[in-house]
Amino acid sequence: MGAERVSLLIPARNEAATIAAAVASAAAQDTAGGSFRLDLEVVVLDDGSQDGTGRIVAPLAASDPRIRLISGADEPPPAGWLGKPWACARLADEATGSVLAFMDADVELDPDAISALVETLRSEGFAMLAPYPHQEAHGWLERLVQPLVTWSWAATLPLGWAENSPRPSLSAANGQLLVMDAEAYRLIGGHAAVAGEVLEDIALMRAFKRRELRTATVDGSHLARCRMYSGTREVVNGYGKSLWDAFNGPAGSLAVNALLVSAYVVPALAAVGSRSPRVRALGVVGYAAGVTSRVLVARRTGERVLPDTLAQPLSILAFVTLNAISWERHLRGANTWKGRSVIASGVAS
């Protein structure tokens, strides 16, 4: 059995509510499973937290030599950098592993998660894996929007083609959990290559692809779970910070949102509102197709099937509304996250 040094890297800024569970799940990884024996280190960056995040991690690090806590000052990132890429870059500088696993502080791993992902990374010859954790959703807006995180790629991205294609456009990644070969990561320039990117996860995968390095987007719902945002306000603020950057500018955003409304909202309206039996029938077929795609993904990833999937048109309307809020805030220069701007200093918007 070969050995693999794995650095599990956790950037944490004001994550007191979730950091203990995240670190505990990282430290509880099965290091003897699969074809590789894992030599694990867990490195946590307290990124200028003001809620006691560091004080929670400190005793965990003191009791387990595999856990290291790094303290960062509460100051703006350097010119050209956003907060999360800068935090991840600092963590990568501290890492000693041949595999780097970046994990958000609100993610909890199953015990065999890292061994399974390293096994796939090495056996399939990937430079980067983007496993999507199970998306936990409890509030009404969470239940409308969060299932779209996984559905958006599972229902639309040709995964087999994407794994073998160097086309950057065939990229889908979720920064909640990313696993990559350390040498390949440094070859692309690490997080410095995506320093000013709001969606640094997708930008990283594109950077790998531009170097013709193989990447894969995979279902990680059986390996990890994450409640991305807790409550309506967090959902609005969380998506508000990033959706303006999701579709390559205002024209792309308008095109994608118009397509979503045409494909998933208009058929439902036609099914209930048209006077034409033929149009109503077509509307029912269109609505059923949208719901079916949600059902298939929900069953695969362990999410709620009923009644949530029946609300697919409402989910799309909620997403479109969040996209509009994000653009409105961006154009006013009012987009922030955890007290920091989401426009890197020295970078034009």
Protein backbone atom coordinates (compact mmCIF):
# COMPACT_ATOMS: atom_id res chain seq x y z
CA MET A 1 0.00 0.00 0.00
CA GLY A 2 1.47 3.36 -1.05
CA ALA A 3 1.47 6.44 1.12
CA GLU A 4 0.14 9.85 0.13
CA ARG A 5 0.70 13.05 2.07
CA VAL A 6 -2.57 15.00 2.06
CA SER A 7 -2.95 18.59 3.22
CA LEU A 8 -6.54 19.38 4.15
CA LEU A 9 -6.74 23.18 4.04
CA ILE A 10 -9.56 25.16 5.69
CA PRO A 11 -9.89 28.95 5.26
CA ALA A 12 -12.09 30.31 8.05
CA ARG A 13 -13.36 33.84 8.56
CA ASN A 14 -16.06 34.27 11.22
CA GLU A 15 -17.04 30.59 11.17
CA ALA A 16 -17.54 29.99 14.90
CA ALA A 17 -20.85 28.21 14.33
CA THR A 18 -19.41 25.49 12.09
CA ILE A 19 -15.63 25.32 12.42
CA ALA A 20 -15.48 22.76 15.24
CA ALA A 21 -17.56 20.22 13.32
CA ALA A 22 -15.59 20.85 10.13
CA VAL A 23 -12.20 20.35 11.80
CA ALA A 24 -13.42 17.30 13.71
CA SER A 25 -14.64 15.66 10.49
CA ALA A 26 -11.31 16.45 8.83
CA ALA A 27 -9.32 14.91 11.67
CA ALA A 28 -11.59 11.83 11.70
CA GLN A 29 -10.66 10.76 8.18
CA ASP A 30 -9.96 7.08 7.61
CA THR A 31 -6.26 7.16 6.68
CA ALA A 32 -5.91 3.44 5.93
CA GLY A 33 -8.79 3.00 3.48
CA GLY A 34 -8.41 2.31 -0.23
CA SER A 35 -5.13 1.72 -2.05
CA PHE A 36 -3.35 4.61 -0.32
CA ARG A 37 -2.39 5.10 3.27
CA LEU A 38 -3.00 8.76 3.96
CA ASP A 39 -0.50 10.85 5.88
CA LEU A 40 -2.86 13.64 6.85
CA GLU A 41 -2.34 17.19 8.00
CA VAL A 42 -5.16 19.67 8.68
CA VAL A 43 -4.24 23.35 8.37
CA VAL A 44 -6.77 26.00 9.42
CA LEU A 45 -6.33 29.69 8.65
CA ASP A 46 -8.16 31.99 11.05
CA ASP A 47 -8.57 34.81 8.54
CA GLY A 48 -9.02 37.79 10.84
CA SER A 49 -12.13 36.37 12.49
CA GLN A 50 -13.96 38.50 15.03
CA ASP A 51 -16.26 35.81 16.42
CA GLY A 52 -13.85 33.52 18.25
CA THR A 53 -13.18 31.10 15.38
CA GLY A 54 -9.49 30.88 16.31
CA ARG A 55 -10.25 30.30 19.99
CA ILE A 56 -12.40 27.31 19.02
CA VAL A 57 -9.70 25.74 16.83
CA ALA A 58 -6.80 26.37 19.22
CA PRO A 59 -7.59 23.55 21.70
CA LEU A 60 -8.28 21.14 18.82
CA ALA A 61 -4.82 21.90 17.42
CA ALA A 62 -3.24 21.56 20.86
CA SER A 63 -4.72 18.09 21.31
CA ASP A 64 -3.88 16.72 17.82
CA PRO A 65 -0.42 17.24 16.27
CA ARG A 66 -1.88 16.80 12.78
CA ILE A 67 -3.90 20.02 13.16
CA ARG A 68 -2.22 23.41 12.72
CA LEU A 69 -3.82 26.79 13.29
CA ILE A 70 -2.49 29.81 11.43
CA SER A 71 -3.65 33.24 12.46
CA GLY A 72 -4.12 35.98 9.87
CA ALA A 73 -4.57 39.67 10.55
CA ASP A 74 -7.94 41.28 9.88
CA GLU A 75 -6.71 43.42 7.00
CA PRO A 76 -7.58 43.78 3.32
CA PRO A 77 -5.95 41.31 0.92
CA PRO A 78 -3.09 42.63 -1.25
CA ALA A 79 -3.90 44.60 -4.38
CA GLY A 80 -5.43 42.37 -7.04
CA TRP A 81 -6.58 39.70 -4.57
CA LEU A 82 -9.97 38.80 -3.13
CA GLY A 83 -10.24 37.39 0.37
CA LYS A 84 -10.82 33.70 -0.30
CA PRO A 85 -8.16 33.21 -3.00
CA TRP A 86 -5.67 35.03 -0.76
CA ALA A 87 -6.58 32.82 2.21
CA CYS A 88 -6.24 29.67 0.10
CA ALA A 89 -2.90 30.83 -1.29
CA ARG A 90 -1.57 31.32 2.24
CA LEU A 91 -2.77 27.86 3.20
CA ALA A 92 -1.13 26.32 0.12
CA ASP A 93 2.17 27.98 1.10
CA GLU A 94 1.96 26.17 4.44
CA ALA A 95 0.97 22.81 2.95
CA THR A 96 3.42 19.90 2.78
CA GLY A 97 1.21 17.41 0.97
CA SER A 98 1.44 15.94 -2.51
CA VAL A 99 -2.36 16.30 -2.57
CA LEU A 100 -4.12 19.51 -1.57
CA ALA A 101 -7.75 19.40 -0.42
CA PHE A 102 -9.38 22.80 0.07
CA MET A 103 -12.46 22.60 2.27
CA ASP A 104 -14.86 25.31 3.41
CA ALA A 105 -15.42 25.74 7.14
CA ASP A 106 -19.11 24.80 6.85
CA VAL A 107 -18.42 21.40 5.26
CA GLU A 108 -18.51 18.12 7.16
CA LEU A 109 -16.74 15.12 5.65
CA ASP A 110 -17.72 11.49 5.97
CA PRO A 111 -14.82 9.41 7.36
CA ASP A 112 -13.91 7.87 3.99
CA ALA A 113 -14.25 11.06 1.93
CA ILE A 114 -10.60 12.01 1.43
CA SER A 115 -9.38 8.44 0.86
CA ALA A 116 -12.07 7.93 -1.80
CA LEU A 117 -11.24 11.21 -3.52
CA VAL A 118 -7.48 10.59 -3.49
CA GLU A 119 -8.13 7.11 -4.89
CA THR A 120 -10.11 8.61 -7.78
CA LEU A 121 -7.62 11.41 -8.34
CA ARG A 122 -4.70 9.01 -8.66
CA SER A 123 -6.32 6.00 -10.34
CA GLU A 124 -8.02 8.11 -13.03
CA GLY A 125 -5.09 10.45 -13.60
CA PHE A 126 -6.89 13.68 -12.75
CA ALA A 127 -5.12 16.86 -11.73
CA MET A 128 -8.22 18.24 -10.01
CA LEU A 129 -11.48 16.87 -8.64
CA ALA A 130 -14.53 18.99 -7.83
CA PRO A 131 -16.87 16.85 -5.72
CA TYR A 132 -20.19 18.55 -4.95
CA PRO A 133 -21.21 17.91 -1.32
CA HIS A 134 -24.80 17.21 -0.34
CA GLN A 135 -26.49 20.60 -0.10
CA GLU A 136 -28.47 20.86 3.11
CA ALA A 137 -31.42 23.24 2.93
CA HIS A 138 -33.95 24.08 5.63
CA GLY A 139 -35.58 27.49 5.12
CA TRP A 140 -38.04 28.17 2.31
CA LEU A 141 -35.59 30.11 0.13
CA GLU A 142 -32.82 27.58 0.79
CA ARG A 143 -35.12 24.78 -0.35
CA LEU A 144 -36.00 26.69 -3.50
CA VAL A 145 -32.47 27.66 -4.50
CA GLN A 146 -29.92 25.25 -3.01
CA PRO A 147 -30.93 22.18 -5.06
CA LEU A 148 -30.03 24.18 -8.18
CA VAL A 149 -26.36 24.14 -7.11
CA THR A 150 -26.03 20.46 -8.03
CA TRP A 151 -28.87 20.27 -10.57
CA SER A 152 -27.30 23.01 -12.70
CA TRP A 153 -24.33 20.84 -13.69
CA ALA A 154 -25.78 17.35 -13.23
CA ALA A 155 -28.60 18.05 -15.69
CA THR A 156 -26.66 20.09 -18.24
CA LEU A 157 -22.93 19.23 -18.28
CA PRO A 158 -21.75 16.27 -20.42
CA LEU A 159 -19.46 14.87 -17.73
CA GLY A 160 -17.60 12.28 -19.79
CA TRP A 161 -16.80 14.84 -22.45
CA ALA A 162 -15.83 17.46 -19.87
CA GLU A 163 -13.35 15.10 -18.18
CA ASN A 164 -11.38 14.64 -21.38
CA SER A 165 -11.86 18.04 -22.98
CA PRO A 166 -9.45 20.96 -22.45
CA ARG A 167 -12.24 23.44 -23.21
CA PRO A 168 -12.46 25.86 -20.25
CA SER A 169 -16.18 26.36 -20.94
CA LEU A 170 -16.80 22.77 -19.81
CA SER A 171 -16.01 23.60 -16.20
CA ALA A 172 -18.16 23.24 -13.10
CA ALA A 173 -16.67 23.38 -9.63
CA ASN A 174 -17.81 24.09 -6.09
CA GLY A 175 -15.28 25.69 -3.77
CA GLN A 176 -16.83 23.94 -0.78
CA LEU A 177 -14.49 21.02 -1.51
CA LEU A 178 -11.70 20.80 -4.10
CA VAL A 179 -9.00 18.13 -4.32
CA MET A 180 -5.93 18.50 -6.53
CA ASP A 181 -2.44 17.33 -7.23
CA ALA A 182 -0.06 19.75 -5.52
CA GLU A 183 2.48 19.79 -8.36
CA ALA A 184 -0.22 20.53 -10.93
CA TYR A 185 -1.66 23.24 -8.68
CA ARG A 186 1.69 24.99 -8.55
CA LEU A 187 2.19 24.50 -12.30
CA ILE A 188 -0.90 26.60 -13.06
CA GLY A 189 0.25 29.29 -10.62
CA GLY A 190 -1.95 28.24 -7.70
CA HIS A 191 -4.52 30.70 -6.45
CA ALA A 192 -2.43 33.57 -7.82
CA ALA A 193 -3.84 32.56 -11.21
CA VAL A 194 -7.35 33.35 -9.95
CA ALA A 195 -6.51 36.05 -7.40
CA GLY A 196 -9.26 38.48 -8.36
CA GLU A 197 -11.96 35.96 -9.28
CA VAL A 198 -15.23 35.94 -7.35
CA LEU A 199 -15.91 32.39 -8.56
CA GLU A 200 -12.37 31.22 -7.96
CA ASP A 201 -13.41 27.55 -7.94
CA ILE A 202 -14.57 27.54 -11.57
CA ALA A 203 -11.65 29.77 -12.54
CA LEU A 204 -9.24 27.25 -11.04
CA MET A 205 -10.70 24.40 -13.07
CA ARG A 206 -10.44 26.53 -16.20
CA ALA A 207 -6.80 27.25 -15.39
CA PHE A 208 -6.11 23.50 -15.16
CA LYS A 209 -7.86 22.91 -18.46
CA ARG A 210 -5.89 25.63 -20.20
CA ARG A 211 -2.78 23.64 -19.27
CA GLU A 212 -4.48 20.54 -20.73
CA LEU A 213 -4.61 18.90 -17.31
CA ARG A 214 -7.53 16.55 -16.69
CA THR A 215 -10.25 17.60 -14.27
CA ALA A 216 -13.54 16.08 -13.17
CA THR A 217 -16.78 17.28 -11.63
CA VAL A 218 -18.30 14.52 -9.51
CA ASP A 219 -21.19 13.82 -7.19
CA GLY A 220 -19.82 14.08 -3.66
CA SER A 221 -23.15 13.89 -1.86
CA HIS A 222 -22.19 10.54 -0.31
CA LEU A 223 -18.87 11.94 0.93
CA ALA A 224 -19.62 15.38 2.38
CA ARG A 225 -22.43 17.72 3.33
CA CYS A 226 -22.74 21.47 3.61
CA ARG A 227 -25.35 23.98 4.64
CA MET A 228 -24.06 26.71 2.38
CA TYR A 229 -26.26 29.51 3.74
CA SER A 230 -28.45 29.57 6.84
CA GLY A 231 -31.66 31.51 6.41
CA THR A 232 -33.13 33.90 3.88
CA ARG A 233 -30.77 36.82 4.53
CA GLU A 234 -27.66 34.68 4.08
CA VAL A 235 -29.02 33.20 0.85
CA VAL A 236 -29.67 36.67 -0.57
CA ASN A 237 -26.31 38.05 0.54
CA GLY A 238 -24.39 34.93 -0.46
CA TYR A 239 -25.74 34.72 -3.98
CA GLY A 240 -25.82 38.49 -4.18
CA LYS A 241 -22.04 38.61 -3.86
CA SER A 242 -21.31 36.23 -6.73
CA LEU A 243 -24.04 35.71 -9.33
CA TRP A 244 -23.12 38.87 -11.25
CA ASP A 245 -19.86 37.10 -12.12
CA ALA A 246 -21.39 33.78 -13.15
CA PHE A 247 -22.16 34.23 -16.83
CA ASN A 248 -19.37 36.31 -18.38
CA GLY A 249 -20.97 39.71 -18.13
CA PRO A 250 -24.42 41.28 -18.40
CA ALA A 251 -25.16 39.94 -21.90
CA GLY A 252 -24.41 36.37 -20.84
CA SER A 253 -26.39 36.81 -17.65
CA LEU A 254 -29.42 38.08 -19.52
CA ALA A 255 -29.16 35.25 -22.06
CA VAL A 256 -28.89 32.49 -19.45
CA ASN A 257 -31.68 33.85 -17.28
CA ALA A 258 -33.94 34.33 -20.30
CA LEU A 259 -33.26 30.74 -21.34
CA LEU A 260 -34.05 29.43 -17.86
CA VAL A 261 -37.33 31.34 -17.73
CA SER A 262 -38.28 30.19 -21.23
CA ALA A 263 -37.49 26.54 -20.49
CA TYR A 264 -38.86 26.18 -16.95
CA VAL A 265 -41.26 29.02 -16.13
CA VAL A 266 -43.10 29.69 -19.40
CA PRO A 267 -44.27 26.06 -19.80
CA ALA A 268 -45.77 26.09 -16.30
CA LEU A 269 -47.58 29.35 -17.03
CA ALA A 270 -48.87 27.93 -20.30
CA ALA A 271 -50.06 24.76 -18.56
CA VAL A 272 -52.29 26.68 -16.16
CA GLY A 273 -53.08 29.86 -18.06
CA SER A 274 -53.49 29.19 -21.76
CA ARG A 275 -56.93 28.95 -23.33
CA SER A 276 -55.60 26.65 -26.03
CA PRO A 277 -55.76 22.94 -25.17
CA ARG A 278 -52.75 22.31 -27.40
CA VAL A 279 -50.67 25.00 -25.69
CA ARG A 280 -51.75 23.73 -22.28
CA ALA A 281 -50.69 20.21 -23.25
CA LEU A 282 -47.30 21.44 -24.44
CA GLY A 283 -46.95 23.40 -21.23
CA VAL A 284 -47.65 20.29 -19.15
CA VAL A 285 -45.03 18.35 -21.09
CA GLY A 286 -42.47 21.13 -20.62
CA TYR A 287 -43.22 21.47 -16.91
CA ALA A 288 -43.03 17.68 -16.43
CA ALA A 289 -39.66 17.55 -18.19
CA GLY A 290 -38.23 20.17 -15.86
CA VAL A 291 -39.56 18.42 -12.77
CA THR A 292 -38.29 15.06 -14.01
CA SER A 293 -34.75 16.39 -14.35
CA ARG A 294 -34.92 17.70 -10.77
CA VAL A 295 -36.31 14.36 -9.51
CA LEU A 296 -33.51 12.37 -11.14
CA VAL A 297 -30.81 14.57 -9.62
CA ALA A 298 -32.52 14.69 -6.20
CA ARG A 299 -32.73 10.91 -6.02
CA ARG A 300 -29.06 10.58 -6.98
CA THR A 301 -27.86 13.11 -4.40
CA GLY A 302 -30.22 12.31 -1.52
CA GLU A 303 -32.10 15.61 -1.61
CA ARG A 304 -35.84 16.05 -1.04
CA VAL A 305 -37.87 14.82 -3.96
CA LEU A 306 -41.40 15.88 -3.01
CA PRO A 307 -42.74 18.47 -2.85
CA ASP A 308 -39.58 20.45 -3.60
CA THR A 309 -39.03 19.26 -7.17
CA LEU A 310 -42.56 20.30 -8.11
CA ALA A 311 -41.54 23.90 -7.41
CA GLN A 312 -38.97 23.99 -10.21
CA PRO A 313 -40.54 27.09 -11.87
CA LEU A 314 -40.48 28.91 -8.52
CA SER A 315 -36.87 27.83 -8.01
CA ILE A 316 -35.92 29.36 -11.35
CA LEU A 317 -37.79 32.59 -10.54
CA ALA A 318 -35.99 32.80 -7.19
CA PHE A 319 -32.65 32.28 -8.92
CA VAL A 320 -33.40 34.96 -11.53
CA THR A 321 -34.39 37.37 -8.75
CA LEU A 322 -31.15 36.70 -6.88
CA ASN A 323 -29.23 37.29 -10.10
CA ALA A 324 -30.94 40.67 -10.51
CA ILE A 325 -30.16 41.59 -6.89
CA SER A 326 -26.53 40.64 -7.43
CA TRP A 327 -26.22 42.85 -10.51
CA GLU A 328 -27.96 45.76 -8.80
CA ARG A 329 -25.55 45.58 -5.85
CA HIS A 330 -22.55 45.14 -8.11
CA LEU A 331 -23.41 48.18 -10.21
CA ARG A 332 -23.81 50.24 -7.02
CA GLY A 333 -20.49 48.95 -5.70
CA ALA A 334 -22.31 47.56 -2.66
CA ASN A 335 -21.34 43.90 -2.91
CA THR A 336 -19.48 42.70 0.17
CA TRP A 337 -19.00 39.42 2.01
CA LYS A 338 -17.95 39.07 5.63
CA GLY A 339 -16.90 42.68 5.76
CA ARG A 340 -14.81 42.66 2.59
CA SER A 341 -15.44 43.91 -0.91
CA VAL A 342 -15.88 41.32 -3.65
CA ILE A 343 -14.01 43.54 -6.10
CA ALA A 344 -10.27 43.13 -5.72
CA SER A 345 -8.44 46.40 -5.12
CA GLY A 346 -6.54 47.52 -8.16
CA VAL A 347 -8.79 45.46 -10.48
CA ALA A 348 -11.39 47.12 -12.71
CA SER A 349 -14.93 45.80 -12.34
